[in-house]
N, C-alpha and C. Protein backbone atom coordinates (compact mmCIF):
# COMPACT_ATOMS: atom_id res chain seq x y z
N UNK A 1 63.28 116.30 62.65
CA UNK A 1 63.73 116.50 64.00
C UNK A 1 62.53 116.90 64.86
N UNK A 2 62.34 116.28 65.98
CA UNK A 2 61.19 116.59 66.87
C UNK A 2 61.49 117.81 67.70
N UNK A 3 60.43 118.49 68.07
CA UNK A 3 60.56 119.68 68.92
C UNK A 3 60.91 119.23 70.33
N UNK A 4 61.42 120.17 71.12
CA UNK A 4 61.78 119.84 72.50
C UNK A 4 60.48 119.54 73.29
N UNK A 5 60.61 118.71 74.32
CA UNK A 5 59.41 118.37 75.12
C UNK A 5 58.80 119.59 75.80
N UNK A 6 57.61 119.40 76.26
CA UNK A 6 56.86 120.43 77.02
C UNK A 6 56.50 119.79 78.39
N UNK A 7 56.80 120.46 79.45
CA UNK A 7 56.39 120.03 80.77
C UNK A 7 54.98 120.53 81.01
N UNK A 8 54.08 119.61 81.38
CA UNK A 8 52.72 120.04 81.67
C UNK A 8 52.48 119.94 83.17
N UNK A 9 51.71 120.86 83.72
CA UNK A 9 51.40 120.90 85.11
C UNK A 9 50.27 119.90 85.39
N UNK A 10 50.05 119.64 86.66
CA UNK A 10 49.11 118.65 87.13
C UNK A 10 47.71 118.85 86.54
N UNK A 11 47.18 120.02 86.68
CA UNK A 11 45.83 120.29 86.18
C UNK A 11 45.70 120.05 84.69
N UNK A 12 46.69 120.50 83.93
CA UNK A 12 46.67 120.32 82.49
C UNK A 12 46.70 118.81 82.18
N UNK A 13 47.59 118.08 82.78
CA UNK A 13 47.69 116.64 82.54
C UNK A 13 46.35 115.96 82.84
N UNK A 14 45.78 116.31 83.98
CA UNK A 14 44.53 115.67 84.37
C UNK A 14 43.41 115.94 83.38
N UNK A 15 43.31 117.15 82.88
CA UNK A 15 42.27 117.48 81.90
C UNK A 15 42.53 116.86 80.54
N UNK A 16 43.79 116.79 80.16
CA UNK A 16 44.12 116.24 78.87
C UNK A 16 44.01 114.73 78.80
N UNK A 17 44.44 114.05 79.85
CA UNK A 17 44.62 112.60 79.76
C UNK A 17 43.71 111.77 80.67
N UNK A 18 43.09 112.41 81.68
CA UNK A 18 42.32 111.59 82.61
C UNK A 18 40.86 111.99 82.67
N UNK A 19 40.58 113.20 83.09
CA UNK A 19 39.23 113.63 83.34
C UNK A 19 38.48 113.87 82.05
N UNK A 20 37.30 113.35 81.97
CA UNK A 20 36.45 113.53 80.78
C UNK A 20 35.22 114.41 81.09
N UNK A 21 35.04 114.68 82.37
CA UNK A 21 33.87 115.48 82.79
C UNK A 21 34.23 116.95 82.86
N UNK A 22 33.37 117.79 82.38
CA UNK A 22 33.47 119.24 82.47
C UNK A 22 34.86 119.76 82.12
N UNK A 23 35.33 119.47 80.91
CA UNK A 23 36.65 120.00 80.54
C UNK A 23 36.61 121.52 80.39
N UNK A 24 37.66 122.18 80.84
CA UNK A 24 37.70 123.65 80.65
C UNK A 24 37.77 123.99 79.18
N UNK A 25 37.41 125.20 78.84
CA UNK A 25 37.40 125.59 77.42
C UNK A 25 38.81 125.59 76.80
N UNK A 26 39.84 125.60 77.65
CA UNK A 26 41.22 125.67 77.15
C UNK A 26 41.74 124.33 76.61
N UNK A 27 41.05 123.23 76.85
CA UNK A 27 41.58 121.94 76.51
C UNK A 27 41.93 121.83 75.03
N UNK A 28 41.09 122.28 74.14
CA UNK A 28 41.36 122.18 72.70
C UNK A 28 42.57 123.07 72.34
N UNK A 29 42.71 124.22 72.98
CA UNK A 29 43.87 125.07 72.75
C UNK A 29 45.13 124.35 73.20
N UNK A 30 45.07 123.71 74.36
CA UNK A 30 46.24 122.96 74.85
C UNK A 30 46.62 121.84 73.86
N UNK A 31 45.63 121.12 73.39
CA UNK A 31 45.91 120.03 72.46
C UNK A 31 46.60 120.59 71.18
N UNK A 32 46.12 121.71 70.72
CA UNK A 32 46.72 122.36 69.53
C UNK A 32 48.18 122.76 69.80
N UNK A 33 48.41 123.33 70.98
CA UNK A 33 49.79 123.75 71.34
C UNK A 33 50.75 122.54 71.49
N UNK A 34 50.22 121.39 71.78
CA UNK A 34 51.06 120.23 72.03
C UNK A 34 51.25 119.32 70.80
N UNK A 35 50.63 119.63 69.69
CA UNK A 35 50.79 118.82 68.50
C UNK A 35 52.26 118.73 68.13
N UNK A 36 52.73 117.52 67.92
CA UNK A 36 54.15 117.28 67.52
C UNK A 36 55.13 117.41 68.66
N UNK A 37 54.68 117.64 69.87
CA UNK A 37 55.59 117.76 71.00
C UNK A 37 55.44 116.57 71.95
N UNK A 38 56.51 116.22 72.61
CA UNK A 38 56.48 115.20 73.65
C UNK A 38 56.05 115.85 74.94
N UNK A 39 55.06 115.28 75.61
CA UNK A 39 54.59 115.75 76.91
C UNK A 39 55.36 115.03 77.98
N UNK A 40 55.91 115.79 78.96
CA UNK A 40 56.57 115.23 80.12
C UNK A 40 56.01 115.90 81.36
N UNK A 41 56.20 115.24 82.51
CA UNK A 41 55.78 115.80 83.77
C UNK A 41 56.89 115.79 84.78
N UNK A 42 56.71 116.57 85.82
CA UNK A 42 57.69 116.61 86.88
C UNK A 42 57.37 115.51 87.89
N UNK A 43 58.31 115.15 88.73
CA UNK A 43 58.06 114.19 89.80
C UNK A 43 56.97 114.69 90.71
N UNK A 44 56.92 116.00 90.95
CA UNK A 44 55.89 116.61 91.76
C UNK A 44 54.50 116.35 91.17
N UNK A 45 54.36 116.47 89.88
CA UNK A 45 53.06 116.22 89.24
C UNK A 45 52.67 114.77 89.37
N UNK A 46 53.59 113.87 89.14
CA UNK A 46 53.24 112.43 89.29
C UNK A 46 52.78 112.14 90.71
N UNK A 47 53.52 112.64 91.68
CA UNK A 47 53.16 112.43 93.10
C UNK A 47 51.79 113.04 93.42
N UNK A 48 51.55 114.23 92.89
CA UNK A 48 50.30 114.92 93.15
C UNK A 48 49.12 114.16 92.57
N UNK A 49 49.30 113.63 91.35
CA UNK A 49 48.21 112.86 90.69
C UNK A 49 47.95 111.56 91.45
N UNK A 50 49.00 110.90 91.95
CA UNK A 50 48.80 109.68 92.71
C UNK A 50 48.18 109.96 94.08
N UNK A 51 48.63 111.06 94.68
CA UNK A 51 48.05 111.47 96.00
C UNK A 51 46.53 111.65 95.84
N UNK A 52 46.10 112.33 94.80
CA UNK A 52 44.70 112.55 94.57
C UNK A 52 43.90 111.27 94.48
N UNK A 53 44.50 110.30 93.76
CA UNK A 53 43.85 109.00 93.58
C UNK A 53 43.75 108.25 94.93
N UNK A 54 44.84 108.27 95.69
CA UNK A 54 44.81 107.59 97.00
C UNK A 54 43.90 108.27 97.98
N UNK A 55 43.92 109.60 97.97
CA UNK A 55 43.05 110.34 98.88
C UNK A 55 41.59 110.09 98.58
N UNK A 56 41.26 109.91 97.29
CA UNK A 56 39.88 109.62 96.90
C UNK A 56 39.53 108.15 97.13
N UNK A 57 40.52 107.39 97.58
CA UNK A 57 40.31 105.98 97.92
C UNK A 57 39.77 105.19 96.71
N UNK A 58 40.45 105.44 95.55
CA UNK A 58 40.06 104.72 94.35
C UNK A 58 40.27 103.22 94.55
N UNK A 59 39.48 102.43 93.88
CA UNK A 59 39.65 100.98 93.89
C UNK A 59 40.89 100.59 93.11
N UNK A 60 41.29 99.34 93.27
CA UNK A 60 42.54 98.85 92.65
C UNK A 60 42.48 98.96 91.12
N UNK A 61 41.36 98.64 90.54
CA UNK A 61 41.24 98.69 89.05
C UNK A 61 41.46 100.09 88.53
N UNK A 62 40.76 101.03 89.15
CA UNK A 62 40.88 102.43 88.68
C UNK A 62 42.28 102.97 88.94
N UNK A 63 42.86 102.63 90.10
CA UNK A 63 44.21 103.09 90.43
C UNK A 63 45.23 102.50 89.45
N UNK A 64 45.07 101.23 89.07
CA UNK A 64 45.97 100.60 88.10
C UNK A 64 45.87 101.22 86.74
N UNK A 65 44.64 101.56 86.33
CA UNK A 65 44.42 102.24 85.05
C UNK A 65 45.10 103.63 85.06
N UNK A 66 44.97 104.33 86.17
CA UNK A 66 45.57 105.64 86.33
C UNK A 66 47.10 105.54 86.26
N UNK A 67 47.67 104.57 86.99
CA UNK A 67 49.13 104.38 86.97
C UNK A 67 49.63 104.03 85.56
N UNK A 68 48.88 103.18 84.88
CA UNK A 68 49.26 102.76 83.51
C UNK A 68 49.29 104.00 82.59
N UNK A 69 48.30 104.83 82.69
CA UNK A 69 48.26 106.07 81.90
C UNK A 69 49.40 107.00 82.28
N UNK A 70 49.66 107.14 83.56
CA UNK A 70 50.79 107.97 84.01
C UNK A 70 52.12 107.46 83.46
N UNK A 71 52.27 106.15 83.40
CA UNK A 71 53.53 105.57 82.91
C UNK A 71 53.79 105.87 81.44
N UNK A 72 52.76 106.25 80.73
CA UNK A 72 52.93 106.63 79.32
C UNK A 72 53.49 108.02 79.15
N UNK A 73 53.47 108.79 80.24
CA UNK A 73 54.02 110.15 80.22
C UNK A 73 55.34 110.15 80.98
N UNK A 74 56.44 110.45 80.30
CA UNK A 74 57.71 110.45 80.99
C UNK A 74 57.75 111.40 82.18
N UNK A 75 58.27 110.96 83.30
CA UNK A 75 58.45 111.82 84.46
C UNK A 75 59.92 112.18 84.55
N UNK A 76 60.20 113.49 84.57
CA UNK A 76 61.58 113.93 84.68
C UNK A 76 62.06 113.76 86.12
N UNK A 77 63.23 113.18 86.28
CA UNK A 77 63.73 112.95 87.65
C UNK A 77 64.17 114.25 88.33
N UNK A 78 64.11 114.19 89.65
CA UNK A 78 64.64 115.30 90.44
C UNK A 78 66.14 115.09 90.51
N UNK A 79 66.86 115.98 89.87
CA UNK A 79 68.34 115.93 89.83
C UNK A 79 68.89 117.02 90.73
N UNK A 80 70.20 117.01 90.85
CA UNK A 80 70.86 118.12 91.62
C UNK A 80 70.54 119.45 90.98
N UNK A 81 70.45 119.49 89.64
CA UNK A 81 70.15 120.77 88.95
C UNK A 81 68.72 121.23 89.32
N UNK A 82 67.78 120.31 89.44
CA UNK A 82 66.41 120.67 89.82
C UNK A 82 66.38 121.20 91.26
N UNK A 83 67.11 120.52 92.13
CA UNK A 83 67.16 120.96 93.54
C UNK A 83 67.77 122.35 93.64
N UNK A 84 68.85 122.55 92.97
CA UNK A 84 69.52 123.87 92.98
C UNK A 84 68.60 124.94 92.40
N UNK A 85 67.95 124.58 91.30
CA UNK A 85 67.04 125.57 90.67
C UNK A 85 65.86 125.89 91.61
N UNK A 86 65.38 124.89 92.31
CA UNK A 86 64.26 125.14 93.22
C UNK A 86 64.65 126.13 94.30
N UNK A 87 65.82 125.93 94.88
CA UNK A 87 66.32 126.87 95.92
C UNK A 87 66.51 128.26 95.36
N UNK A 88 67.13 128.35 94.20
CA UNK A 88 67.37 129.65 93.57
C UNK A 88 66.05 130.34 93.20
N UNK A 89 65.14 129.56 92.65
CA UNK A 89 63.84 130.09 92.21
C UNK A 89 63.04 130.65 93.38
N UNK A 90 62.99 129.92 94.46
CA UNK A 90 62.24 130.44 95.61
C UNK A 90 62.89 131.69 96.19
N UNK A 91 64.23 131.73 96.21
CA UNK A 91 64.91 132.90 96.71
C UNK A 91 64.62 134.10 95.80
N UNK A 92 64.72 133.89 94.48
CA UNK A 92 64.45 134.95 93.53
C UNK A 92 63.00 135.45 93.66
N UNK A 93 62.06 134.52 93.77
CA UNK A 93 60.66 134.88 93.94
C UNK A 93 60.45 135.67 95.23
N UNK A 94 61.12 135.26 96.28
CA UNK A 94 61.03 135.97 97.54
C UNK A 94 61.51 137.41 97.39
N UNK A 95 62.60 137.56 96.70
CA UNK A 95 63.24 138.87 96.51
C UNK A 95 62.28 139.86 95.77
N UNK A 96 61.60 139.30 94.74
CA UNK A 96 60.74 140.19 93.93
C UNK A 96 59.30 140.20 94.45
N UNK A 97 59.03 139.47 95.52
CA UNK A 97 57.67 139.46 96.10
C UNK A 97 56.70 138.58 95.34
N UNK A 98 57.20 137.57 94.60
CA UNK A 98 56.31 136.69 93.88
C UNK A 98 55.80 135.60 94.81
N UNK A 99 54.52 135.26 94.75
CA UNK A 99 53.88 134.35 95.62
C UNK A 99 54.43 132.90 95.53
N UNK A 100 55.13 132.59 94.47
CA UNK A 100 55.68 131.21 94.32
C UNK A 100 56.70 130.92 95.44
N UNK A 101 57.20 131.93 96.07
CA UNK A 101 58.14 131.72 97.18
C UNK A 101 57.45 131.20 98.44
N UNK A 102 56.15 131.36 98.53
CA UNK A 102 55.42 130.95 99.75
C UNK A 102 55.31 129.45 99.85
N UNK A 103 55.30 128.97 101.11
CA UNK A 103 55.26 127.54 101.36
C UNK A 103 54.04 126.87 100.74
N UNK A 104 52.92 127.53 100.71
CA UNK A 104 51.67 126.98 100.17
C UNK A 104 51.84 126.62 98.70
N UNK A 105 52.78 127.25 98.00
CA UNK A 105 53.01 127.02 96.58
C UNK A 105 54.23 126.14 96.31
N UNK A 106 54.64 125.37 97.30
CA UNK A 106 55.84 124.57 97.18
C UNK A 106 55.75 123.58 96.00
N UNK A 107 54.60 122.94 95.82
CA UNK A 107 54.47 122.02 94.71
C UNK A 107 54.64 122.71 93.37
N UNK A 108 54.04 123.86 93.20
CA UNK A 108 54.19 124.64 92.00
C UNK A 108 55.64 125.06 91.76
N UNK A 109 56.31 125.39 92.86
CA UNK A 109 57.73 125.77 92.73
C UNK A 109 58.55 124.60 92.22
N UNK A 110 58.27 123.37 92.66
CA UNK A 110 58.98 122.22 92.15
C UNK A 110 58.71 122.01 90.66
N UNK A 111 57.52 122.19 90.21
CA UNK A 111 57.20 122.05 88.79
C UNK A 111 57.94 123.12 87.99
N UNK A 112 57.91 124.36 88.46
CA UNK A 112 58.60 125.43 87.77
C UNK A 112 60.11 125.20 87.75
N UNK A 113 60.65 124.78 88.86
CA UNK A 113 62.08 124.50 88.94
C UNK A 113 62.50 123.39 87.97
N UNK A 114 61.66 122.38 87.83
CA UNK A 114 61.95 121.28 86.90
C UNK A 114 61.96 121.82 85.50
N UNK A 115 60.99 122.63 85.11
CA UNK A 115 60.95 123.19 83.77
C UNK A 115 62.18 124.03 83.50
N UNK A 116 62.55 124.86 84.45
CA UNK A 116 63.71 125.73 84.26
C UNK A 116 64.99 124.92 84.17
N UNK A 117 65.18 123.95 85.07
CA UNK A 117 66.39 123.14 85.10
C UNK A 117 66.58 122.34 83.83
N UNK A 118 65.50 121.84 83.26
CA UNK A 118 65.57 121.07 82.01
C UNK A 118 65.46 121.96 80.75
N UNK A 119 65.27 123.25 80.95
CA UNK A 119 65.19 124.18 79.83
C UNK A 119 63.95 123.98 78.98
N UNK A 120 62.83 123.63 79.63
CA UNK A 120 61.61 123.36 78.92
C UNK A 120 60.53 124.40 79.19
N UNK A 121 59.64 124.61 78.23
CA UNK A 121 58.48 125.46 78.53
C UNK A 121 57.48 124.68 79.37
N UNK A 122 56.71 125.41 80.15
CA UNK A 122 55.68 124.81 81.01
C UNK A 122 54.32 125.19 80.45
N UNK A 123 53.43 124.21 80.36
CA UNK A 123 52.05 124.46 80.01
C UNK A 123 51.22 124.30 81.28
N UNK A 124 50.64 125.39 81.75
CA UNK A 124 49.90 125.39 83.03
C UNK A 124 48.73 126.31 82.92
N UNK A 125 47.74 126.05 83.75
CA UNK A 125 46.56 126.87 83.81
C UNK A 125 46.63 127.83 85.00
N UNK A 126 47.44 127.55 86.00
CA UNK A 126 47.52 128.33 87.24
C UNK A 126 48.21 129.67 87.00
N UNK A 127 47.58 130.72 87.45
CA UNK A 127 48.15 132.08 87.31
C UNK A 127 49.42 132.23 88.14
N UNK A 128 49.65 131.36 89.09
CA UNK A 128 50.83 131.49 89.97
C UNK A 128 52.12 131.45 89.16
N UNK A 129 52.08 130.87 87.97
CA UNK A 129 53.27 130.77 87.15
C UNK A 129 53.59 132.01 86.32
N UNK A 130 52.67 132.97 86.29
CA UNK A 130 52.96 134.20 85.52
C UNK A 130 54.04 135.00 86.21
N UNK A 131 54.92 135.55 85.40
CA UNK A 131 56.03 136.41 85.86
C UNK A 131 57.00 135.73 86.80
N UNK A 132 57.18 134.42 86.70
CA UNK A 132 58.18 133.71 87.49
C UNK A 132 59.52 133.92 86.80
N UNK A 133 60.51 134.40 87.54
CA UNK A 133 61.82 134.66 86.94
C UNK A 133 62.41 133.40 86.30
N UNK A 134 62.77 133.50 85.02
CA UNK A 134 63.45 132.42 84.31
C UNK A 134 62.55 131.34 83.78
N UNK A 135 61.24 131.39 84.03
CA UNK A 135 60.32 130.38 83.56
C UNK A 135 59.69 130.74 82.22
N UNK A 136 59.73 129.80 81.28
CA UNK A 136 59.12 129.99 79.99
C UNK A 136 57.79 129.25 79.98
N UNK A 137 56.72 129.95 79.69
CA UNK A 137 55.39 129.34 79.63
C UNK A 137 55.04 129.10 78.14
N UNK A 138 54.42 127.96 77.90
CA UNK A 138 53.94 127.67 76.54
C UNK A 138 52.58 128.29 76.41
N UNK A 139 52.47 129.23 75.52
CA UNK A 139 51.18 129.92 75.27
C UNK A 139 50.99 130.01 73.78
N UNK A 140 49.80 130.42 73.40
CA UNK A 140 49.52 130.58 71.96
C UNK A 140 49.76 132.01 71.47
N UNK A 141 50.46 132.75 72.28
CA UNK A 141 50.80 134.15 71.88
C UNK A 141 51.95 134.20 70.92
């Protein structure tokens, strides 16, 4: 029986599957944590990765290669449960004074809400995800 999937955040996906230059020291730890697990991403992560490619004005060949690689990673759809969780999560974060409630962190809130709604752990490098109510982070602890 396979383990439940792990939702990976944008930066983690980029370092694991796309970028080969200057990998952070955590990459090998992430690979170890993901052994035997299915990697999935949120719709927010897919959009963010494509936005970065378009903003950088990549050529058609590079953009096609990027899309092909992205297609190998399942993207979890935004469902009513994700929308409801996003609203609840931002409200809860606002109540406890967590920065994830702020508009500037809207993308991160969507990723966290997706992980919570689907009952999946999140593998992320951003400290913004620490102490988010109801969010399970995949760590080596």
